[in-house]
C-alpha atoms as a PDB file:
ATOM      1  CA  MET A   1      -7.869  44.550 -17.325  1.00  0.00           C
ATOM      2  CA  THR A   2     -10.152  47.074 -18.584  1.00  0.00           C
ATOM      3  CA  LEU A   3      -9.141  50.319 -20.798  1.00  0.00           C
ATOM      4  CA  GLU A   4      -9.811  51.969 -17.355  1.00  0.00           C
ATOM      5  CA  GLU A   5      -7.279  50.053 -15.333  1.00  0.00           C
ATOM      6  CA  PHE A   6      -4.642  50.348 -17.788  1.00  0.00           C
ATOM      7  CA  SER A   7      -4.604  53.370 -18.554  1.00  0.00           C
ATOM      8  CA  ALA A   8      -4.572  54.284 -14.504  1.00  0.00           C
ATOM      9  CA  GLY A   9      -2.336  51.828 -14.203  1.00  0.00           C
ATOM     10  CA  GLU A  10      -0.089  53.971 -16.835  1.00  0.00           C
ATOM     11  CA  GLN A  11      -0.795  57.290 -15.704  1.00  0.00           C
ATOM     12  CA  LYS A  12       0.212  56.390 -12.278  1.00  0.00           C
ATOM     13  CA  THR A  13       3.585  55.019 -13.560  1.00  0.00           C
ATOM     14  CA  GLU A  14       4.840  58.220 -15.191  1.00  0.00           C
ATOM     15  CA  ARG A  15       3.239  60.483 -12.008  1.00  0.00           C
ATOM     16  CA  MET A  16       5.977  57.911 -10.422  1.00  0.00           C
ATOM     17  CA  ASP A  17       8.740  58.451 -13.015  1.00  0.00           C
ATOM     18  CA  LYS A  18       8.253  61.903 -12.622  1.00  0.00           C
ATOM     19  CA  VAL A  19       8.239  62.241  -8.711  1.00  0.00           C
ATOM     20  CA  GLY A  20      11.455  60.160  -9.392  1.00  0.00           C
ATOM     21  CA  ASP A  21      13.282  62.306 -11.372  1.00  0.00           C
ATOM     22  CA  ALA A  22      12.847  65.351  -9.257  1.00  0.00           C
ATOM     23  CA  LEU A  23      14.185  63.394  -6.006  1.00  0.00           C
ATOM     24  CA  GLU A  24      16.898  63.157  -8.336  1.00  0.00           C
ATOM     25  CA  GLU A  25      17.484  66.359  -8.462  1.00  0.00           C
ATOM     26  CA  VAL A  26      16.790  67.773  -5.079  1.00  0.00           C
ATOM     27  CA  LEU A  27      19.460  64.654  -3.698  1.00  0.00           C
ATOM     28  CA  SER A  28      21.728  65.911  -6.504  1.00  0.00           C
ATOM     29  CA  LYS A  29      21.787  70.029  -5.854  1.00  0.00           C
ATOM     30  CA  ALA A  30      21.740  68.328  -1.859  1.00  0.00           C
ATOM     31  CA  LEU A  31      24.503  66.815  -2.327  1.00  0.00           C
ATOM     32  CA  SER A  32      26.702  68.927  -4.120  1.00  0.00           C
ATOM     33  CA  GLN A  33      25.247  71.751  -0.938  1.00  0.00           C
ATOM     34  CA  ARG A  34      26.648  69.813   1.682  1.00  0.00           C
ATOM     35  CA  THR A  35      23.245  70.266   3.338  1.00  0.00           C
ATOM     36  CA  ILE A  36      22.655  66.249   3.025  1.00  0.00           C
ATOM     37  CA  THR A  37      22.398  63.841   6.211  1.00  0.00           C
ATOM     38  CA  VAL A  38      23.161  60.083   5.498  1.00  0.00           C
ATOM     39  CA  GLY A  39      22.257  57.377   8.122  1.00  0.00           C
ATOM     40  CA  VAL A  40      19.936  56.609  10.992  1.00  0.00           C
ATOM     41  CA  TYR A  41      21.833  58.007  13.616  1.00  0.00           C
ATOM     42  CA  GLU A  42      23.301  60.669  12.145  1.00  0.00           C
ATOM     43  CA  ALA A  43      19.696  62.243  11.326  1.00  0.00           C
ATOM     44  CA  ALA A  44      18.373  61.322  14.827  1.00  0.00           C
ATOM     45  CA  LYS A  45      20.933  63.485  15.783  1.00  0.00           C
ATOM     46  CA  LEU A  46      20.323  66.685  13.175  1.00  0.00           C
ATOM     47  CA  LEU A  47      16.668  66.214  13.758  1.00  0.00           C
ATOM     48  CA  ASN A  48      17.166  66.403  17.844  1.00  0.00           C
ATOM     49  CA  VAL A  49      19.853  69.402  17.627  1.00  0.00           C
ATOM     50  CA  ASP A  50      17.991  71.427  14.762  1.00  0.00           C
ATOM     51  CA  PRO A  51      14.296  70.239  13.114  1.00  0.00           C
ATOM     52  CA  ASP A  52      13.242  73.167  11.469  1.00  0.00           C
ATOM     53  CA  ASN A  53      16.677  73.545   8.668  1.00  0.00           C
ATOM     54  CA  VAL A  54      15.069  70.185   8.341  1.00  0.00           C
ATOM     55  CA  VAL A  55      12.824  69.925   4.849  1.00  0.00           C
ATOM     56  CA  LEU A  56      12.099  66.450   3.646  1.00  0.00           C
ATOM     57  CA  CYS A  57      13.365  62.633   5.362  1.00  0.00           C
ATOM     58  CA  LEU A  58      13.613  59.883   3.489  1.00  0.00           C
ATOM     59  CA  LEU A  59      13.918  56.800   4.885  1.00  0.00           C
ATOM     60  CA  ALA A  60      15.443  53.942   2.999  1.00  0.00           C
ATOM     61  CA  ALA A  61      14.753  50.056   3.688  1.00  0.00           C
ATOM     62  CA  ASP A  62      14.843  47.246   1.782  1.00  0.00           C
ATOM     63  CA  GLU A  63      12.857  43.418   2.070  1.00  0.00           C
ATOM     64  CA  ASP A  64      15.879  42.381   4.201  1.00  0.00           C
ATOM     65  CA  ASP A  65      15.552  45.704   6.525  1.00  0.00           C
ATOM     66  CA  ASP A  66      12.511  44.440   7.615  1.00  0.00           C
ATOM     67  CA  ARG A  67      13.466  41.967   9.685  1.00  0.00           C
ATOM     68  CA  ASP A  68      15.714  43.957  11.517  1.00  0.00           C
ATOM     69  CA  VAL A  69      13.757  45.054  14.370  1.00  0.00           C
ATOM     70  CA  ALA A  70      16.493  48.030  16.217  1.00  0.00           C
ATOM     71  CA  LEU A  71      16.446  49.470  12.740  1.00  0.00           C
ATOM     72  CA  GLN A  72      12.593  49.620  12.320  1.00  0.00           C
ATOM     73  CA  ILE A  73      11.749  51.280  16.095  1.00  0.00           C
ATOM     74  CA  HIS A  74      14.357  53.942  14.261  1.00  0.00           C
ATOM     75  CA  PHE A  75      12.640  54.562  11.680  1.00  0.00           C
ATOM     76  CA  THR A  76       8.446  54.417  13.904  1.00  0.00           C
ATOM     77  CA  LEU A  77      10.629  56.910  15.634  1.00  0.00           C
ATOM     78  CA  ILE A  78      12.204  59.524  13.347  1.00  0.00           C
ATOM     79  CA  GLN A  79       8.727  59.063  11.224  1.00  0.00           C
ATOM     80  CA  ALA A  80       6.942  60.481  14.247  1.00  0.00           C
ATOM     81  CA  PHE A  81       9.356  63.123  15.446  1.00  0.00           C
ATOM     82  CA  CYS A  82       9.124  64.153  11.903  1.00  0.00           C
ATOM     83  CA  CYS A  83       5.209  64.593  11.957  1.00  0.00           C
ATOM     84  CA  GLU A  84       5.196  66.538  14.979  1.00  0.00           C
ATOM     85  CA  ASN A  85       7.926  68.983  13.310  1.00  0.00           C
ATOM     86  CA  ASP A  86       5.546  69.356  10.023  1.00  0.00           C
ATOM     87  CA  ILE A  87       8.690  67.709   8.278  1.00  0.00           C
ATOM     88  CA  ASN A  88       7.842  65.711   4.907  1.00  0.00           C
ATOM     89  CA  ILE A  89       8.451  62.320   4.401  1.00  0.00           C
ATOM     90  CA  LEU A  90       9.430  59.716   1.895  1.00  0.00           C
ATOM     91  CA  ARG A  91      10.273  56.491   1.748  1.00  0.00           C
ATOM     92  CA  VAL A  92      12.235  54.600  -0.478  1.00  0.00           C
ATOM     93  CA  SER A  93      12.131  51.036  -1.561  1.00  0.00           C
ATOM     94  CA  ASN A  94      14.967  51.098  -3.558  1.00  0.00           C
ATOM     95  CA  PRO A  95      18.228  51.453  -1.030  1.00  0.00           C
ATOM     96  CA  GLY A  96      20.223  50.609  -3.423  1.00  0.00           C
ATOM     97  CA  ARG A  97      19.913  53.091  -5.834  1.00  0.00           C
ATOM     98  CA  LEU A  98      19.628  55.722  -3.570  1.00  0.00           C
ATOM     99  CA  ALA A  99      23.131  54.688  -3.202  1.00  0.00           C
ATOM    100  CA  GLU A 100      24.240  55.212  -6.271  1.00  0.00           C
ATOM    101  CA  LEU A 101      22.371  59.178  -6.197  1.00  0.00           C
ATOM    102  CA  LEU A 102      24.862  59.772  -3.117  1.00  0.00           C
END
């Protein structure tokens, strides 16, 4: 590993930490304001009824969820809908940590 590779890796980790901190703050505020929807089906219903009031869509899945074909189809449909309606999407790989925040 070169110094440049090491430095780039450190910078990436620092940026991800900052993103994680910002996401935690946003989720905390949304939770306190009761402006958060949790669950694939609940999110799909909200997106269908009122997509103009959706700012961010978090998709949380771990390795076990990759084997759930129905869930992957729902994720794909939600992602397509969000892209079509200019809704930001963030995929989270640690649903346990996300559950702690919520």
